[in-house]
Amino acid sequence: AGVHEASANVLYADHITIRFGGLVAVSDVSFG
């Protein structure tokens, strides 16, 4: 599904999670 969305969008973020130490700033975000 991620590969399909990546090909359908110019820019695609697939299930992005960002942690700073114990802090989760972004949790499992997909965005096209």
PDB file of all heavy atoms in Angstrom:
ATOM      1  N   ALA A   1       0.828  -1.198   0.000  1.00  0.00           N
ATOM      2  CA  ALA A   1       0.000   0.000   0.000  1.00  0.00           C
ATOM      3  C   ALA A   1       0.866   1.253   0.000  1.00  0.00           C
ATOM      4  O   ALA A   1       0.562   2.234  -0.682  1.00  0.00           O
ATOM      5  CB  ALA A   1      -0.927  -0.001   1.215  1.00  0.00           C
ATOM      6  N   GLY A   2       1.969   1.221   0.762  1.00  0.00           N
ATOM      7  CA  GLY A   2       2.867   2.369   0.803  1.00  0.00           C
ATOM      8  C   GLY A   2       3.505   2.642  -0.540  1.00  0.00           C
ATOM      9  O   GLY A   2       3.598   3.796  -0.971  1.00  0.00           O
ATOM     10  N   VAL A   3       3.937   1.592  -1.224  1.00  0.00           N
ATOM     11  CA  VAL A   3       4.541   1.754  -2.542  1.00  0.00           C
ATOM     12  C   VAL A   3       3.522   2.308  -3.530  1.00  0.00           C
ATOM     13  O   VAL A   3       3.826   3.179  -4.350  1.00  0.00           O
ATOM     14  CB  VAL A   3       5.109   0.405  -3.037  1.00  0.00           C
ATOM     15  CG1 VAL A   3       5.537   0.514  -4.499  1.00  0.00           C
ATOM     16  CG2 VAL A   3       6.285  -0.023  -2.173  1.00  0.00           C
ATOM     17  N   HIS A   4       2.296   1.817  -3.457  1.00  0.00           N
ATOM     18  CA  HIS A   4       1.244   2.322  -4.341  1.00  0.00           C
ATOM     19  C   HIS A   4       0.991   3.803  -4.105  1.00  0.00           C
ATOM     20  O   HIS A   4       0.906   4.597  -5.047  1.00  0.00           O
ATOM     21  CB  HIS A   4      -0.047   1.533  -4.131  1.00  0.00           C
ATOM     22  CG  HIS A   4      -1.219   2.111  -4.870  1.00  0.00           C
ATOM     23  ND1 HIS A   4      -1.379   1.974  -6.237  1.00  0.00           N
ATOM     24  CD2 HIS A   4      -2.281   2.856  -4.429  1.00  0.00           C
ATOM     25  CE1 HIS A   4      -2.489   2.603  -6.609  1.00  0.00           C
ATOM     26  NE2 HIS A   4      -3.053   3.141  -5.531  1.00  0.00           N
ATOM     27  N   GLU A   5       0.869   4.211  -2.830  1.00  0.00           N
ATOM     28  CA  GLU A   5       0.639   5.621  -2.511  1.00  0.00           C
ATOM     29  C   GLU A   5       1.823   6.477  -2.933  1.00  0.00           C
ATOM     30  O   GLU A   5       1.652   7.611  -3.386  1.00  0.00           O
ATOM     31  CB  GLU A   5       0.374   5.787  -1.013  1.00  0.00           C
ATOM     32  CG  GLU A   5      -0.944   5.208  -0.543  1.00  0.00           C
ATOM     33  CD  GLU A   5      -2.138   5.933  -1.151  1.00  0.00           C
ATOM     34  OE1 GLU A   5      -2.010   7.129  -1.475  1.00  0.00           O
ATOM     35  OE2 GLU A   5      -3.199   5.311  -1.303  1.00  0.00           O
ATOM     36  N   ALA A   6       3.021   5.956  -2.781  1.00  0.00           N
ATOM     37  CA  ALA A   6       4.209   6.709  -3.177  1.00  0.00           C
ATOM     38  C   ALA A   6       4.220   6.987  -4.666  1.00  0.00           C
ATOM     39  O   ALA A   6       4.638   8.057  -5.112  1.00  0.00           O
ATOM     40  CB  ALA A   6       5.469   5.935  -2.776  1.00  0.00           C
ATOM     41  N   SER A   7       3.733   6.030  -5.449  1.00  0.00           N
ATOM     42  CA  SER A   7       3.710   6.221  -6.905  1.00  0.00           C
ATOM     43  C   SER A   7       2.572   7.136  -7.332  1.00  0.00           C
ATOM     44  O   SER A   7       2.639   7.764  -8.396  1.00  0.00           O
ATOM     45  CB  SER A   7       3.583   4.867  -7.611  1.00  0.00           C
ATOM     46  OG  SER A   7       2.349   4.240  -7.286  1.00  0.00           O
ATOM     47  N   ALA A   8       1.530   7.248  -6.515  1.00  0.00           N
ATOM     48  CA  ALA A   8       0.375   8.077  -6.865  1.00  0.00           C
ATOM     49  C   ALA A   8       0.530   9.524  -6.429  1.00  0.00           C
ATOM     50  O   ALA A   8      -0.226  10.388  -6.877  1.00  0.00           O
ATOM     51  CB  ALA A   8      -0.891   7.489  -6.236  1.00  0.00           C
ATOM     52  N   ASN A   9       1.497   9.802  -5.558  1.00  0.00           N
ATOM     53  CA  ASN A   9       1.697  11.140  -5.014  1.00  0.00           C
ATOM     54  C   ASN A   9       3.083  11.662  -5.372  1.00  0.00           C
ATOM     55  O   ASN A   9       4.034  10.889  -5.492  1.00  0.00           O
ATOM     56  CB  ASN A   9       1.548  11.125  -3.492  1.00  0.00           C
ATOM     57  CG  ASN A   9       0.128  10.886  -3.043  1.00  0.00           C
ATOM     58  OD1 ASN A   9      -0.684  11.805  -2.995  1.00  0.00           O
ATOM     59  ND2 ASN A   9      -0.190   9.640  -2.698  1.00  0.00           N
ATOM     60  N   VAL A  10       3.199  12.972  -5.519  1.00  0.00           N
ATOM     61  CA  VAL A  10       4.511  13.570  -5.744  1.00  0.00           C
ATOM     62  C   VAL A  10       5.382  13.396  -4.512  1.00  0.00           C
ATOM     63  O   VAL A  10       6.545  12.998  -4.588  1.00  0.00           O
ATOM     64  CB  VAL A  10       4.378  15.068  -6.091  1.00  0.00           C
ATOM     65  CG1 VAL A  10       5.750  15.719  -6.191  1.00  0.00           C
ATOM     66  CG2 VAL A  10       3.605  15.258  -7.381  1.00  0.00           C
ATOM     67  N   LEU A  11       4.805  13.687  -3.352  1.00  0.00           N
ATOM     68  CA  LEU A  11       5.501  13.526  -2.078  1.00  0.00           C
ATOM     69  C   LEU A  11       4.630  12.686  -1.169  1.00  0.00           C
ATOM     70  O   LEU A  11       3.429  12.949  -1.036  1.00  0.00           O
ATOM     71  CB  LEU A  11       5.764  14.902  -1.452  1.00  0.00           C
ATOM     72  CG  LEU A  11       6.609  14.949  -0.177  1.00  0.00           C
ATOM     73  CD1 LEU A  11       8.010  14.416  -0.427  1.00  0.00           C
ATOM     74  CD2 LEU A  11       6.694  16.389   0.350  1.00  0.00           C
ATOM     75  N   TYR A  12       5.228  11.658  -0.571  1.00  0.00           N
ATOM     76  CA  TYR A  12       4.439  10.770   0.284  1.00  0.00           C
ATOM     77  C   TYR A  12       5.257  10.362   1.501  1.00  0.00           C
ATOM     78  O   TYR A  12       6.412   9.932   1.384  1.00  0.00           O
ATOM     79  CB  TYR A  12       4.014   9.512  -0.476  1.00  0.00           C
ATOM     80  CG  TYR A  12       3.120   8.611   0.344  1.00  0.00           C
ATOM     81  CD1 TYR A  12       1.847   9.017   0.716  1.00  0.00           C
ATOM     82  CD2 TYR A  12       3.561   7.364   0.766  1.00  0.00           C
ATOM     83  CE1 TYR A  12       1.028   8.209   1.489  1.00  0.00           C
ATOM     84  CE2 TYR A  12       2.749   6.537   1.528  1.00  0.00           C
ATOM     85  CZ  TYR A  12       1.479   6.968   1.890  1.00  0.00           C
ATOM     86  OH  TYR A  12       0.675   6.172   2.655  1.00  0.00           O
ATOM     87  N   ALA A  13       4.655  10.528   2.672  1.00  0.00           N
ATOM     88  CA  ALA A  13       5.244  10.075   3.933  1.00  0.00           C
ATOM     89  C   ALA A  13       4.487   8.843   4.387  1.00  0.00           C
ATOM     90  O   ALA A  13       3.268   8.892   4.585  1.00  0.00           O
ATOM     91  CB  ALA A  13       5.157  11.185   4.976  1.00  0.00           C
ATOM     92  N   ASP A  14       5.194   7.746   4.561  1.00  0.00           N
ATOM     93  CA  ASP A  14       4.578   6.453   4.833  1.00  0.00           C
ATOM     94  C   ASP A  14       4.840   6.037   6.278  1.00  0.00           C
ATOM     95  O   ASP A  14       5.952   5.667   6.644  1.00  0.00           O
ATOM     96  CB  ASP A  14       5.159   5.410   3.867  1.00  0.00           C
ATOM     97  CG  ASP A  14       4.477   4.063   3.974  1.00  0.00           C
ATOM     98  OD1 ASP A  14       3.314   4.007   4.439  1.00  0.00           O
ATOM     99  OD2 ASP A  14       5.107   3.054   3.595  1.00  0.00           O
ATOM    100  N   HIS A  15       3.793   6.155   7.123  1.00  0.00           N
ATOM    101  CA  HIS A  15       3.840   5.700   8.517  1.00  0.00           C
ATOM    102  C   HIS A  15       5.046   6.286   9.264  1.00  0.00           C
ATOM    103  O   HIS A  15       5.895   5.557   9.796  1.00  0.00           O
ATOM    104  CB  HIS A  15       3.852   4.178   8.582  1.00  0.00           C
ATOM    105  CG  HIS A  15       2.584   3.549   8.065  1.00  0.00           C
ATOM    106  ND1 HIS A  15       1.408   3.549   8.782  1.00  0.00           N
ATOM    107  CD2 HIS A  15       2.308   2.937   6.882  1.00  0.00           C
ATOM    108  CE1 HIS A  15       0.460   2.945   8.072  1.00  0.00           C
ATOM    109  NE2 HIS A  15       0.967   2.569   6.919  1.00  0.00           N
ATOM    110  N   ILE A  16       5.097   7.616   9.303  1.00  0.00           N
ATOM    111  CA  ILE A  16       6.216   8.310   9.939  1.00  0.00           C
ATOM    112  C   ILE A  16       6.002   8.417  11.450  1.00  0.00           C
ATOM    113  O   ILE A  16       4.959   8.859  11.922  1.00  0.00           O
ATOM    114  CB  ILE A  16       6.379   9.728   9.352  1.00  0.00           C
ATOM    115  CG1 ILE A  16       6.726   9.651   7.860  1.00  0.00           C
ATOM    116  CG2 ILE A  16       7.430  10.516  10.123  1.00  0.00           C
ATOM    117  CD1 ILE A  16       8.065   9.013   7.567  1.00  0.00           C
ATOM    118  N   THR A  17       7.009   7.984  12.197  1.00  0.00           N
ATOM    119  CA  THR A  17       7.062   8.185  13.644  1.00  0.00           C
ATOM    120  C   THR A  17       8.376   8.882  13.970  1.00  0.00           C
ATOM    121  O   THR A  17       9.423   8.530  13.423  1.00  0.00           O
ATOM    122  CB  THR A  17       6.971   6.853  14.403  1.00  0.00           C
ATOM    123  OG1 THR A  17       5.672   6.278  14.182  1.00  0.00           O
ATOM    124  CG2 THR A  17       7.177   7.044  15.899  1.00  0.00           C
ATOM    125  N   ILE A  18       8.294   9.887  14.865  1.00  0.00           N
ATOM    126  CA  ILE A  18       9.478  10.653  15.245  1.00  0.00           C
ATOM    127  C   ILE A  18       9.556  10.695  16.762  1.00  0.00           C
ATOM    128  O   ILE A  18       8.619  11.140  17.434  1.00  0.00           O
ATOM    129  CB  ILE A  18       9.423  12.082  14.687  1.00  0.00           C
ATOM    130  CG1 ILE A  18       9.179  12.052  13.171  1.00  0.00           C
ATOM    131  CG2 ILE A  18      10.703  12.836  14.997  1.00  0.00           C
ATOM    132  CD1 ILE A  18       8.563  13.312  12.635  1.00  0.00           C
ATOM    133  N   ARG A  19      10.674  10.220  17.293  1.00  0.00           N
ATOM    134  CA  ARG A  19      10.884  10.216  18.737  1.00  0.00           C
ATOM    135  C   ARG A  19      12.092  11.065  19.091  1.00  0.00           C
ATOM    136  O   ARG A  19      13.104  11.039  18.396  1.00  0.00           O
ATOM    137  CB  ARG A  19      11.121   8.790  19.251  1.00  0.00           C
ATOM    138  CG  ARG A  19       9.979   7.824  19.009  1.00  0.00           C
ATOM    139  CD  ARG A  19      10.255   6.489  19.689  1.00  0.00           C
ATOM    140  NE  ARG A  19       9.241   5.500  19.372  1.00  0.00           N
ATOM    141  CZ  ARG A  19       9.313   4.665  18.334  1.00  0.00           C
ATOM    142  NH1 ARG A  19      10.385   4.705  17.531  1.00  0.00           N
ATOM    143  NH2 ARG A  19       8.363   3.794  18.094  1.00  0.00           N
ATOM    144  N   PHE A  20      11.964  11.815  20.166  1.00  0.00           N
ATOM    145  CA  PHE A  20      13.088  12.531  20.752  1.00  0.00           C
ATOM    146  C   PHE A  20      13.240  12.005  22.175  1.00  0.00           C
ATOM    147  O   PHE A  20      12.517  12.421  23.085  1.00  0.00           O
ATOM    148  CB  PHE A  20      12.829  14.039  20.761  1.00  0.00           C
ATOM    149  CG  PHE A  20      12.669  14.634  19.392  1.00  0.00           C
ATOM    150  CD1 PHE A  20      11.420  15.037  18.947  1.00  0.00           C
ATOM    151  CD2 PHE A  20      13.757  14.775  18.552  1.00  0.00           C
ATOM    152  CE1 PHE A  20      11.257  15.587  17.688  1.00  0.00           C
ATOM    153  CE2 PHE A  20      13.612  15.319  17.289  1.00  0.00           C
ATOM    154  CZ  PHE A  20      12.364  15.729  16.851  1.00  0.00           C
ATOM    155  N   GLY A  21      14.177  11.057  22.349  1.00  0.00           N
ATOM    156  CA  GLY A  21      14.275  10.387  23.643  1.00  0.00           C
ATOM    157  C   GLY A  21      12.996   9.616  23.905  1.00  0.00           C
ATOM    158  O   GLY A  21      12.557   8.799  23.098  1.00  0.00           O
ATOM    159  N   GLY A  22      12.345   9.892  25.027  1.00  0.00           N
ATOM    160  CA  GLY A  22      11.094   9.212  25.341  1.00  0.00           C
ATOM    161  C   GLY A  22       9.863   9.902  24.812  1.00  0.00           C
ATOM    162  O   GLY A  22       8.743   9.406  24.981  1.00  0.00           O
ATOM    163  N   LEU A  23      10.036  11.057  24.137  1.00  0.00           N
ATOM    164  CA  LEU A  23       8.904  11.818  23.622  1.00  0.00           C
ATOM    165  C   LEU A  23       8.588  11.411  22.194  1.00  0.00           C
ATOM    166  O   LEU A  23       9.463  11.422  21.325  1.00  0.00           O
ATOM    167  CB  LEU A  23       9.208  13.315  23.672  1.00  0.00           C
ATOM    168  CG  LEU A  23       8.190  14.239  22.993  1.00  0.00           C
ATOM    169  CD1 LEU A  23       6.871  14.212  23.756  1.00  0.00           C
ATOM    170  CD2 LEU A  23       8.735  15.658  22.897  1.00  0.00           C
ATOM    171  N   VAL A  24       7.339  11.045  21.943  1.00  0.00           N
ATOM    172  CA  VAL A  24       6.888  10.754  20.579  1.00  0.00           C
ATOM    173  C   VAL A  24       6.231  12.016  20.038  1.00  0.00           C
ATOM    174  O   VAL A  24       5.128  12.390  20.432  1.00  0.00           O
ATOM    175  CB  VAL A  24       5.890   9.577  20.550  1.00  0.00           C
ATOM    176  CG1 VAL A  24       5.431   9.315  19.126  1.00  0.00           C
ATOM    177  CG2 VAL A  24       6.542   8.323  21.135  1.00  0.00           C
ATOM    178  N   ALA A  25       6.935  12.704  19.126  1.00  0.00           N
ATOM    179  CA  ALA A  25       6.428  13.970  18.583  1.00  0.00           C
ATOM    180  C   ALA A  25       5.437  13.745  17.456  1.00  0.00           C
ATOM    181  O   ALA A  25       4.487  14.524  17.280  1.00  0.00           O
ATOM    182  CB  ALA A  25       7.588  14.824  18.084  1.00  0.00           C
ATOM    183  N   VAL A  26       5.655  12.690  16.676  1.00  0.00           N
ATOM    184  CA  VAL A  26       4.757  12.322  15.577  1.00  0.00           C
ATOM    185  C   VAL A  26       4.587  10.820  15.620  1.00  0.00           C
ATOM    186  O   VAL A  26       5.573  10.084  15.728  1.00  0.00           O
ATOM    187  CB  VAL A  26       5.319  12.760  14.208  1.00  0.00           C
ATOM    188  CG1 VAL A  26       4.446  12.248  13.064  1.00  0.00           C
ATOM    189  CG2 VAL A  26       5.457  14.283  14.138  1.00  0.00           C
ATOM    190  N   SER A  27       3.339  10.355  15.533  1.00  0.00           N
ATOM    191  CA  SER A  27       3.076   8.936  15.710  1.00  0.00           C
ATOM    192  C   SER A  27       2.348   8.350  14.504  1.00  0.00           C
ATOM    193  O   SER A  27       1.173   8.647  14.267  1.00  0.00           O
ATOM    194  CB  SER A  27       2.241   8.709  16.975  1.00  0.00           C
ATOM    195  OG  SER A  27       1.959   7.333  17.156  1.00  0.00           O
ATOM    196  N   ASP A  28       3.061   7.552  13.718  1.00  0.00           N
ATOM    197  CA  ASP A  28       2.482   6.733  12.653  1.00  0.00           C
ATOM    198  C   ASP A  28       1.621   7.567  11.690  1.00  0.00           C
ATOM    199  O   ASP A  28       0.466   7.229  11.415  1.00  0.00           O
ATOM    200  CB  ASP A  28       1.644   5.605  13.259  1.00  0.00           C
ATOM    201  CG  ASP A  28       1.312   4.513  12.234  1.00  0.00           C
ATOM    202  OD1 ASP A  28       2.120   4.317  11.309  1.00  0.00           O
ATOM    203  OD2 ASP A  28       0.242   3.890  12.366  1.00  0.00           O
ATOM    204  N   VAL A  29       2.203   8.631  11.151  1.00  0.00           N
ATOM    205  CA  VAL A  29       1.477   9.519  10.248  1.00  0.00           C
ATOM    206  C   VAL A  29       1.814   9.194   8.802  1.00  0.00           C
ATOM    207  O   VAL A  29       2.987   9.132   8.421  1.00  0.00           O
ATOM    208  CB  VAL A  29       1.812  11.000  10.540  1.00  0.00           C
ATOM    209  CG1 VAL A  29       1.255  11.918   9.450  1.00  0.00           C
ATOM    210  CG2 VAL A  29       1.259  11.395  11.896  1.00  0.00           C
ATOM    211  N   SER A  30       0.780   8.982   7.994  1.00  0.00           N
ATOM    212  CA  SER A  30       0.932   8.846   6.542  1.00  0.00           C
ATOM    213  C   SER A  30       0.278  10.050   5.882  1.00  0.00           C
ATOM    214  O   SER A  30      -0.803  10.494   6.299  1.00  0.00           O
ATOM    215  CB  SER A  30       0.286   7.552   6.039  1.00  0.00           C
ATOM    216  OG  SER A  30       0.973   6.421   6.550  1.00  0.00           O
ATOM    217  N   PHE A  31       0.943  10.571   4.855  1.00  0.00           N
ATOM    218  CA  PHE A  31       0.519  11.857   4.301  1.00  0.00           C
ATOM    219  C   PHE A  31       1.000  11.938   2.860  1.00  0.00           C
ATOM    220  O   PHE A  31       2.170  11.682   2.562  1.00  0.00           O
ATOM    221  CB  PHE A  31       1.158  12.975   5.144  1.00  0.00           C
ATOM    222  CG  PHE A  31       0.837  14.374   4.707  1.00  0.00           C
ATOM    223  CD1 PHE A  31      -0.280  15.024   5.193  1.00  0.00           C
ATOM    224  CD2 PHE A  31       1.663  15.033   3.823  1.00  0.00           C
ATOM    225  CE1 PHE A  31      -0.563  16.324   4.796  1.00  0.00           C
ATOM    226  CE2 PHE A  31       1.399  16.334   3.431  1.00  0.00           C
ATOM    227  CZ  PHE A  31       0.275  16.975   3.922  1.00  0.00           C
ATOM    228  N   GLY A  32       0.089  12.283   1.948  1.00  0.00           N
ATOM    229  CA  GLY A  32       0.459  12.366   0.545  1.00  0.00           C
ATOM    230  C   GLY A  32       0.078  13.687  -0.092  1.00  0.00           C
ATOM    231  O   GLY A  32      -0.909  14.318   0.304  1.00  0.00           O
TER     232      GLY A  32
END
